[in-house]
Amino acid sequence: MARKEPIKAVAYLRTSSAANVGADKDSEKRQRAAIESLARAAGYELVGTYYDEAVSGADQVTSRPGFTAMMERIAGNGVRTIIVEMANRFARDLIVQETGYALLKEQGIELIAADKPDAFLDDTPTAILIRQVLGAVSQFEKAMVVTKLKGARDRKRIALAQAAKEDKAIRVKVEGRKSYGEINPDLVRFAKRLHRYPVNGKRRSLRDVSSALAQAGFLTRTGRPFTAEAVSRVVKG
């Protein structure tokens, strides 16, 4: 009895995020392993592998470079079976999934999901409904993840803005004009003493305090006596 020839098939892989693409990532390895395992168990011979890297599952299949190259290869070598890791690797968006499946079916091409081989092959009303429901659930889950990520980004942006606002307020306070007490505490103590204690029973005026400070060597940065207004800020500070 002649040995049954294996059915030729091609593998189709897709990864949505560029962050999950690369030799150190497991997306491609996991998909290949699942597809090769199904091929060995079911008697398929993989004659090609096509990979759409960083391609959204919501993109139409005909706009994907890897998928287009695969279809061109299939048109020339007679292969009529495509194996994917799971249905959502073919397409996450329900409409894309159904229209893509219909496109392949019209050309007599089988689409097999390694995790559930009959996901695309069974055309009973129940199977079609289940396929649509699963596609809808996958689409819903993706939308929820996107919403959660957006919410997290929004909260982080608000927190950073608030932190920046508070940091600015702190810098303004720290870097603002320094008080006389911070610049020259001896000046402050002497000025307050002059202003507090009277001479000959009479309290010194601000101008008198300024003159006494000048005589003691306490002058402005320009070498002039302090104004009465400046003395007032010193003794009240």
C-alpha atoms as a PDB file:
ATOM      1  CA  MET A   1       0.000   0.000   0.000  1.00  0.00           C
ATOM      2  CA  ALA A   2       1.413   3.350  -1.078  1.00  0.00           C
ATOM      3  CA  ARG A   3       2.298   5.745   1.690  1.00  0.00           C
ATOM      4  CA  LYS A   4      -0.069   8.676   1.926  1.00  0.00           C
ATOM      5  CA  GLU A   5       1.612  11.907   0.928  1.00  0.00           C
ATOM      6  CA  PRO A   6       1.415  14.717   3.497  1.00  0.00           C
ATOM      7  CA  ILE A   7      -0.787  17.678   2.652  1.00  0.00           C
ATOM      8  CA  LYS A   8       1.222  20.748   1.842  1.00  0.00           C
ATOM      9  CA  ALA A   9       0.470  23.834   3.920  1.00  0.00           C
ATOM     10  CA  VAL A  10       1.920  27.212   4.816  1.00  0.00           C
ATOM     11  CA  ALA A  11       2.175  28.856   8.213  1.00  0.00           C
ATOM     12  CA  TYR A  12       0.935  32.370   8.816  1.00  0.00           C
ATOM     13  CA  LEU A  13       2.137  34.355  11.824  1.00  0.00           C
ATOM     14  CA  ARG A  14       1.238  37.839  12.999  1.00  0.00           C
ATOM     15  CA  THR A  15       2.383  40.014  15.897  1.00  0.00           C
ATOM     16  CA  SER A  16       0.630  43.299  16.635  1.00  0.00           C
ATOM     17  CA  SER A  17       3.236  45.209  18.617  1.00  0.00           C
ATOM     18  CA  ALA A  18       6.764  45.975  17.469  1.00  0.00           C
ATOM     19  CA  ALA A  19       7.770  45.570  21.123  1.00  0.00           C
ATOM     20  CA  ASN A  20       7.006  41.831  20.812  1.00  0.00           C
ATOM     21  CA  VAL A  21       9.087  41.341  17.676  1.00  0.00           C
ATOM     22  CA  GLY A  22      12.662  40.090  17.819  1.00  0.00           C
ATOM     23  CA  ALA A  23      14.853  37.089  18.548  1.00  0.00           C
ATOM     24  CA  ASP A  24      14.511  37.649  22.286  1.00  0.00           C
ATOM     25  CA  LYS A  25      10.694  37.695  22.174  1.00  0.00           C
ATOM     26  CA  ASP A  26       8.458  34.646  22.425  1.00  0.00           C
ATOM     27  CA  SER A  27       5.577  35.607  20.110  1.00  0.00           C
ATOM     28  CA  GLU A  28       7.086  34.178  16.929  1.00  0.00           C
ATOM     29  CA  LYS A  29       8.544  31.133  18.712  1.00  0.00           C
ATOM     30  CA  ARG A  30       5.228  30.333  20.371  1.00  0.00           C
ATOM     31  CA  GLN A  31       3.263  30.648  17.132  1.00  0.00           C
ATOM     32  CA  ARG A  32       5.747  28.522  15.177  1.00  0.00           C
ATOM     33  CA  ALA A  33       5.743  25.821  17.855  1.00  0.00           C
ATOM     34  CA  ALA A  34       1.934  25.597  17.905  1.00  0.00           C
ATOM     35  CA  ILE A  35       1.665  25.477  14.115  1.00  0.00           C
ATOM     36  CA  GLU A  36       4.452  22.888  13.700  1.00  0.00           C
ATOM     37  CA  SER A  37       2.910  20.716  16.424  1.00  0.00           C
ATOM     38  CA  LEU A  38      -0.469  20.696  14.675  1.00  0.00           C
ATOM     39  CA  ALA A  39       1.201  20.021  11.297  1.00  0.00           C
ATOM     40  CA  ARG A  40       3.058  16.973  12.641  1.00  0.00           C
ATOM     41  CA  ALA A  41      -0.005  15.587  14.377  1.00  0.00           C
ATOM     42  CA  ALA A  42      -2.361  16.095  11.432  1.00  0.00           C
ATOM     43  CA  GLY A  43      -0.007  15.086   8.634  1.00  0.00           C
ATOM     44  CA  TYR A  44       0.698  18.459   7.061  1.00  0.00           C
ATOM     45  CA  GLU A  45       3.976  19.408   5.438  1.00  0.00           C
ATOM     46  CA  LEU A  46       4.867  23.061   5.965  1.00  0.00           C
ATOM     47  CA  VAL A  47       6.404  24.418   2.763  1.00  0.00           C
ATOM     48  CA  GLY A  48       6.552  28.079   3.765  1.00  0.00           C
ATOM     49  CA  THR A  49       6.141  30.501   6.643  1.00  0.00           C
ATOM     50  CA  TYR A  50       4.891  34.057   6.319  1.00  0.00           C
ATOM     51  CA  TYR A  51       5.079  36.568   9.120  1.00  0.00           C
ATOM     52  CA  ASP A  52       3.471  39.989   9.470  1.00  0.00           C
ATOM     53  CA  GLU A  53       5.526  41.765  12.119  1.00  0.00           C
ATOM     54  CA  ALA A  54       4.016  44.725  13.978  1.00  0.00           C
ATOM     55  CA  VAL A  55       0.772  44.467  11.995  1.00  0.00           C
ATOM     56  CA  SER A  56      -2.528  45.092  13.758  1.00  0.00           C
ATOM     57  CA  GLY A  57      -5.124  42.356  13.790  1.00  0.00           C
ATOM     58  CA  ALA A  58      -7.625  45.034  12.773  1.00  0.00           C
ATOM     59  CA  ASP A  59      -5.827  45.677   9.445  1.00  0.00           C
ATOM     60  CA  GLN A  60      -7.493  44.169   6.401  1.00  0.00           C
ATOM     61  CA  VAL A  61      -5.692  40.966   5.421  1.00  0.00           C
ATOM     62  CA  THR A  62      -5.169  42.175   1.856  1.00  0.00           C
ATOM     63  CA  SER A  63      -3.183  45.184   3.147  1.00  0.00           C
ATOM     64  CA  ARG A  64      -0.658  43.062   5.054  1.00  0.00           C
ATOM     65  CA  PRO A  65       2.734  42.470   3.353  1.00  0.00           C
ATOM     66  CA  GLY A  66       3.226  38.979   4.751  1.00  0.00           C
ATOM     67  CA  PHE A  67      -0.297  37.864   3.921  1.00  0.00           C
ATOM     68  CA  THR A  68      -0.030  39.273   0.385  1.00  0.00           C
ATOM     69  CA  ALA A  69       3.272  37.436  -0.207  1.00  0.00           C
ATOM     70  CA  MET A  70       1.698  34.237   1.080  1.00  0.00           C
ATOM     71  CA  MET A  71      -1.267  34.538  -1.277  1.00  0.00           C
ATOM     72  CA  GLU A  72       1.067  35.122  -4.230  1.00  0.00           C
ATOM     73  CA  ARG A  73       3.000  31.979  -3.296  1.00  0.00           C
ATOM     74  CA  ILE A  74      -0.190  29.947  -2.912  1.00  0.00           C
ATOM     75  CA  ALA A  75      -1.415  31.088  -6.333  1.00  0.00           C
ATOM     76  CA  GLY A  76       1.693  29.588  -7.930  1.00  0.00           C
ATOM     77  CA  ASN A  77       2.304  26.337  -6.032  1.00  0.00           C
ATOM     78  CA  GLY A  78      -1.169  24.933  -5.510  1.00  0.00           C
ATOM     79  CA  VAL A  79      -1.067  24.938  -1.694  1.00  0.00           C
ATOM     80  CA  ARG A  80      -4.583  25.191  -0.328  1.00  0.00           C
ATOM     81  CA  THR A  81      -4.075  25.133   3.438  1.00  0.00           C
ATOM     82  CA  ILE A  82      -3.017  27.901   5.806  1.00  0.00           C
ATOM     83  CA  ILE A  83      -2.305  27.185   9.468  1.00  0.00           C
ATOM     84  CA  VAL A  84      -2.323  29.868  12.153  1.00  0.00           C
ATOM     85  CA  GLU A  85      -1.706  29.590  15.896  1.00  0.00           C
ATOM     86  CA  MET A  86      -5.232  30.701  16.751  1.00  0.00           C
ATOM     87  CA  ALA A  87      -8.120  32.515  15.098  1.00  0.00           C
ATOM     88  CA  ASN A  88      -7.189  35.932  16.467  1.00  0.00           C
ATOM     89  CA  ARG A  89      -3.713  35.655  14.910  1.00  0.00           C
ATOM     90  CA  PHE A  90      -5.487  35.684  11.580  1.00  0.00           C
ATOM     91  CA  ALA A  91      -7.590  38.693  12.627  1.00  0.00           C
ATOM     92  CA  ARG A  92      -8.807  40.164  15.900  1.00  0.00           C
ATOM     93  CA  ASP A  93     -11.413  42.445  14.357  1.00  0.00           C
ATOM     94  CA  LEU A  94     -14.627  40.511  13.743  1.00  0.00           C
ATOM     95  CA  ILE A  95     -15.365  42.074  10.355  1.00  0.00           C
ATOM     96  CA  VAL A  96     -11.772  41.561   9.163  1.00  0.00           C
ATOM     97  CA  GLN A  97     -11.881  37.972  10.392  1.00  0.00           C
ATOM     98  CA  GLU A  98     -15.101  37.149   8.567  1.00  0.00           C
ATOM     99  CA  THR A  99     -14.244  38.959   5.315  1.00  0.00           C
ATOM    100  CA  GLY A 100     -10.742  37.427   5.285  1.00  0.00           C
ATOM    101  CA  TYR A 101     -12.122  33.953   5.879  1.00  0.00           C
ATOM    102  CA  ALA A 102     -14.696  34.476   3.117  1.00  0.00           C
ATOM    103  CA  LEU A 103     -11.902  35.585   0.735  1.00  0.00           C
ATOM    104  CA  LEU A 104      -9.936  32.393   1.367  1.00  0.00           C
ATOM    105  CA  LYS A 105     -12.994  30.193   1.154  1.00  0.00           C
ATOM    106  CA  GLU A 106     -13.904  31.633  -2.258  1.00  0.00           C
ATOM    107  CA  GLN A 107     -10.478  30.530  -3.527  1.00  0.00           C
ATOM    108  CA  GLY A 108     -10.829  27.063  -2.051  1.00  0.00           C
ATOM    109  CA  ILE A 109      -8.244  27.686   0.677  1.00  0.00           C
ATOM    110  CA  GLU A 110      -8.621  26.103   4.107  1.00  0.00           C
ATOM    111  CA  LEU A 111      -7.759  28.124   7.184  1.00  0.00           C
ATOM    112  CA  ILE A 112      -6.866  26.073  10.256  1.00  0.00           C
ATOM    113  CA  ALA A 113      -6.277  27.354  13.786  1.00  0.00           C
ATOM    114  CA  ALA A 114      -3.782  25.146  15.639  1.00  0.00           C
ATOM    115  CA  ASP A 115      -5.524  25.609  18.979  1.00  0.00           C
ATOM    116  CA  LYS A 116      -8.938  24.676  17.506  1.00  0.00           C
ATOM    117  CA  PRO A 117      -8.632  23.070  14.069  1.00  0.00           C
ATOM    118  CA  ASP A 118     -12.345  23.276  13.267  1.00  0.00           C
ATOM    119  CA  ALA A 119     -12.651  26.975  14.193  1.00  0.00           C
ATOM    120  CA  PHE A 120     -12.826  27.970  10.522  1.00  0.00           C
ATOM    121  CA  LEU A 121     -13.644  24.700   8.764  1.00  0.00           C
ATOM    122  CA  ASP A 122     -17.032  23.941  10.255  1.00  0.00           C
ATOM    123  CA  ASP A 123     -19.733  25.935   8.469  1.00  0.00           C
ATOM    124  CA  THR A 124     -22.766  24.873  10.464  1.00  0.00           C
ATOM    125  CA  PRO A 125     -24.940  27.752  11.724  1.00  0.00           C
ATOM    126  CA  THR A 126     -23.820  27.013  15.268  1.00  0.00           C
ATOM    127  CA  ALA A 127     -20.129  27.038  14.319  1.00  0.00           C
ATOM    128  CA  ILE A 128     -20.540  30.294  12.421  1.00  0.00           C
ATOM    129  CA  LEU A 129     -22.290  31.862  15.409  1.00  0.00           C
ATOM    130  CA  ILE A 130     -19.576  30.634  17.784  1.00  0.00           C
ATOM    131  CA  ARG A 131     -16.847  31.944  15.465  1.00  0.00           C
ATOM    132  CA  GLN A 132     -18.541  35.320  15.345  1.00  0.00           C
ATOM    133  CA  VAL A 133     -19.072  35.400  19.102  1.00  0.00           C
ATOM    134  CA  LEU A 134     -15.436  34.465  19.777  1.00  0.00           C
ATOM    135  CA  GLY A 135     -14.318  37.125  17.343  1.00  0.00           C
ATOM    136  CA  ALA A 136     -16.576  39.661  19.049  1.00  0.00           C
ATOM    137  CA  VAL A 137     -15.219  38.686  22.493  1.00  0.00           C
ATOM    138  CA  SER A 138     -11.646  39.019  21.261  1.00  0.00           C
ATOM    139  CA  GLN A 139     -12.463  42.424  19.783  1.00  0.00           C
ATOM    140  CA  PHE A 140     -14.147  43.474  23.048  1.00  0.00           C
ATOM    141  CA  GLU A 141     -11.169  42.339  25.133  1.00  0.00           C
ATOM    142  CA  LYS A 142      -8.778  44.263  22.938  1.00  0.00           C
ATOM    143  CA  ALA A 143     -10.971  47.380  23.185  1.00  0.00           C
ATOM    144  CA  MET A 144     -11.022  47.014  26.981  1.00  0.00           C
ATOM    145  CA  VAL A 145      -7.239  46.728  27.106  1.00  0.00           C
ATOM    146  CA  VAL A 146      -6.884  49.812  24.917  1.00  0.00           C
ATOM    147  CA  THR A 147      -9.333  51.696  27.161  1.00  0.00           C
ATOM    148  CA  LYS A 148      -7.481  50.640  30.319  1.00  0.00           C
ATOM    149  CA  LEU A 149      -4.126  51.622  28.846  1.00  0.00           C
ATOM    150  CA  LYS A 150      -5.511  54.994  27.772  1.00  0.00           C
ATOM    151  CA  GLY A 151      -6.938  55.538  31.263  1.00  0.00           C
ATOM    152  CA  ALA A 152      -3.580  54.676  32.812  1.00  0.00           C
ATOM    153  CA  ARG A 153      -1.776  57.048  30.432  1.00  0.00           C
ATOM    154  CA  ASP A 154      -4.271  59.825  31.210  1.00  0.00           C
ATOM    155  CA  ARG A 155      -3.847  59.336  34.960  1.00  0.00           C
ATOM    156  CA  LYS A 156      -0.081  59.334  34.609  1.00  0.00           C
ATOM    157  CA  ARG A 157      -0.176  62.510  32.490  1.00  0.00           C
ATOM    158  CA  ILE A 158      -2.366  64.263  35.091  1.00  0.00           C
ATOM    159  CA  ALA A 159      -0.102  63.106  37.928  1.00  0.00           C
ATOM    160  CA  LEU A 160       3.007  64.315  36.095  1.00  0.00           C
ATOM    161  CA  ALA A 161       1.370  67.668  35.356  1.00  0.00           C
ATOM    162  CA  GLN A 162       0.391  68.077  39.007  1.00  0.00           C
ATOM    163  CA  ALA A 163       3.883  67.064  40.155  1.00  0.00           C
ATOM    164  CA  ALA A 164       5.422  69.545  37.728  1.00  0.00           C
ATOM    165  CA  LYS A 165       3.094  72.274  39.010  1.00  0.00           C
ATOM    166  CA  GLU A 166       3.992  71.534  42.620  1.00  0.00           C
ATOM    167  CA  ASP A 167       7.693  71.327  41.776  1.00  0.00           C
ATOM    168  CA  LYS A 168       7.495  74.698  40.041  1.00  0.00           C
ATOM    169  CA  ALA A 169       5.807  76.213  43.089  1.00  0.00           C
ATOM    170  CA  ILE A 170       8.542  74.819  45.326  1.00  0.00           C
ATOM    171  CA  ARG A 171      11.294  76.132  43.048  1.00  0.00           C
ATOM    172  CA  VAL A 172       9.694  79.556  42.989  1.00  0.00           C
ATOM    173  CA  LYS A 173       9.545  79.573  46.764  1.00  0.00           C
ATOM    174  CA  VAL A 174      13.093  78.313  47.171  1.00  0.00           C
ATOM    175  CA  GLU A 175      14.602  80.444  44.442  1.00  0.00           C
ATOM    176  CA  GLY A 176      12.669  83.621  45.252  1.00  0.00           C
ATOM    177  CA  ARG A 177      14.179  86.705  46.847  1.00  0.00           C
ATOM    178  CA  LYS A 178      15.933  85.864  50.086  1.00  0.00           C
ATOM    179  CA  SER A 179      14.980  87.714  53.255  1.00  0.00           C
ATOM    180  CA  TYR A 180      17.360  90.030  55.079  1.00  0.00           C
ATOM    181  CA  GLY A 181      17.534  87.427  57.832  1.00  0.00           C
ATOM    182  CA  GLU A 182      18.865  84.862  55.350  1.00  0.00           C
ATOM    183  CA  ILE A 183      21.356  87.318  53.869  1.00  0.00           C
ATOM    184  CA  ASN A 184      22.669  88.926  57.066  1.00  0.00           C
ATOM    185  CA  PRO A 185      21.204  87.783  60.395  1.00  0.00           C
ATOM    186  CA  ASP A 186      23.546  90.142  62.302  1.00  0.00           C
ATOM    187  CA  LEU A 187      22.024  93.108  60.453  1.00  0.00           C
ATOM    188  CA  VAL A 188      18.518  92.002  61.437  1.00  0.00           C
ATOM    189  CA  ARG A 189      19.365  91.514  65.098  1.00  0.00           C
ATOM    190  CA  PHE A 190      21.127  94.896  65.321  1.00  0.00           C
ATOM    191  CA  ALA A 191      18.345  96.772  63.497  1.00  0.00           C
ATOM    192  CA  LYS A 192      15.649  95.266  65.723  1.00  0.00           C
ATOM    193  CA  ARG A 193      17.617  96.164  68.827  1.00  0.00           C
ATOM    194  CA  LEU A 194      18.064  99.751  67.650  1.00  0.00           C
ATOM    195  CA  HIS A 195      14.382 100.059  66.824  1.00  0.00           C
ATOM    196  CA  ARG A 196      13.185  98.394  70.030  1.00  0.00           C
ATOM    197  CA  TYR A 197      15.167 100.350  72.629  1.00  0.00           C
ATOM    198  CA  PRO A 198      14.635 104.139  72.929  1.00  0.00           C
ATOM    199  CA  VAL A 199      17.364 106.763  73.289  1.00  0.00           C
ATOM    200  CA  ASN A 200      16.801 109.502  75.883  1.00  0.00           C
ATOM    201  CA  GLY A 201      13.275 108.178  76.334  1.00  0.00           C
ATOM    202  CA  LYS A 202      12.483 108.547  72.657  1.00  0.00           C
ATOM    203  CA  ARG A 203      12.098 105.704  70.190  1.00  0.00           C
ATOM    204  CA  ARG A 204      14.373 105.897  67.148  1.00  0.00           C
ATOM    205  CA  SER A 205      12.788 106.630  63.791  1.00  0.00           C
ATOM    206  CA  LEU A 206      13.442 104.367  60.846  1.00  0.00           C
ATOM    207  CA  ARG A 207      15.835 106.940  59.421  1.00  0.00           C
ATOM    208  CA  ASP A 208      17.710 107.032  62.732  1.00  0.00           C
ATOM    209  CA  VAL A 209      18.014 103.268  62.656  1.00  0.00           C
ATOM    210  CA  SER A 210      19.321 103.478  59.086  1.00  0.00           C
ATOM    211  CA  SER A 211      21.969 106.002  60.126  1.00  0.00           C
ATOM    212  CA  ALA A 212      23.025 103.843  63.093  1.00  0.00           C
ATOM    213  CA  LEU A 213      23.294 100.822  60.846  1.00  0.00           C
ATOM    214  CA  ALA A 214      25.432 102.747  58.370  1.00  0.00           C
ATOM    215  CA  GLN A 215      27.746 103.883  61.141  1.00  0.00           C
ATOM    216  CA  ALA A 216      28.080 100.260  62.251  1.00  0.00           C
ATOM    217  CA  GLY A 217      29.022  99.253  58.680  1.00  0.00           C
ATOM    218  CA  PHE A 218      25.702  97.775  57.566  1.00  0.00           C
ATOM    219  CA  LEU A 219      25.102  99.142  54.070  1.00  0.00           C
ATOM    220  CA  THR A 220      23.275  98.051  50.910  1.00  0.00           C
ATOM    221  CA  ARG A 221      25.038  96.161  48.115  1.00  0.00           C
ATOM    222  CA  THR A 222      25.696  99.499  46.441  1.00  0.00           C
ATOM    223  CA  GLY A 223      27.361 100.930  49.582  1.00  0.00           C
ATOM    224  CA  ARG A 224      24.467 103.203  50.549  1.00  0.00           C
ATOM    225  CA  PRO A 225      22.480 103.441  53.812  1.00  0.00           C
ATOM    226  CA  PHE A 226      19.237 101.472  53.900  1.00  0.00           C
ATOM    227  CA  THR A 227      16.071 103.384  53.111  1.00  0.00           C
ATOM    228  CA  ALA A 228      13.376 103.809  55.768  1.00  0.00           C
ATOM    229  CA  GLU A 229      11.207 101.323  53.851  1.00  0.00           C
ATOM    230  CA  ALA A 230      13.973  98.760  53.836  1.00  0.00           C
ATOM    231  CA  VAL A 231      14.579  99.240  57.569  1.00  0.00           C
ATOM    232  CA  SER A 232      10.858  98.735  58.158  1.00  0.00           C
ATOM    233  CA  ARG A 233      10.974  95.362  56.338  1.00  0.00           C
ATOM    234  CA  VAL A 234      14.046  94.355  58.356  1.00  0.00           C
ATOM    235  CA  VAL A 235      12.575  95.108  61.780  1.00  0.00           C
ATOM    236  CA  LYS A 236       9.194  93.604  60.916  1.00  0.00           C
ATOM    237  CA  GLY A 237      10.597  90.499  59.215  1.00  0.00           C
END
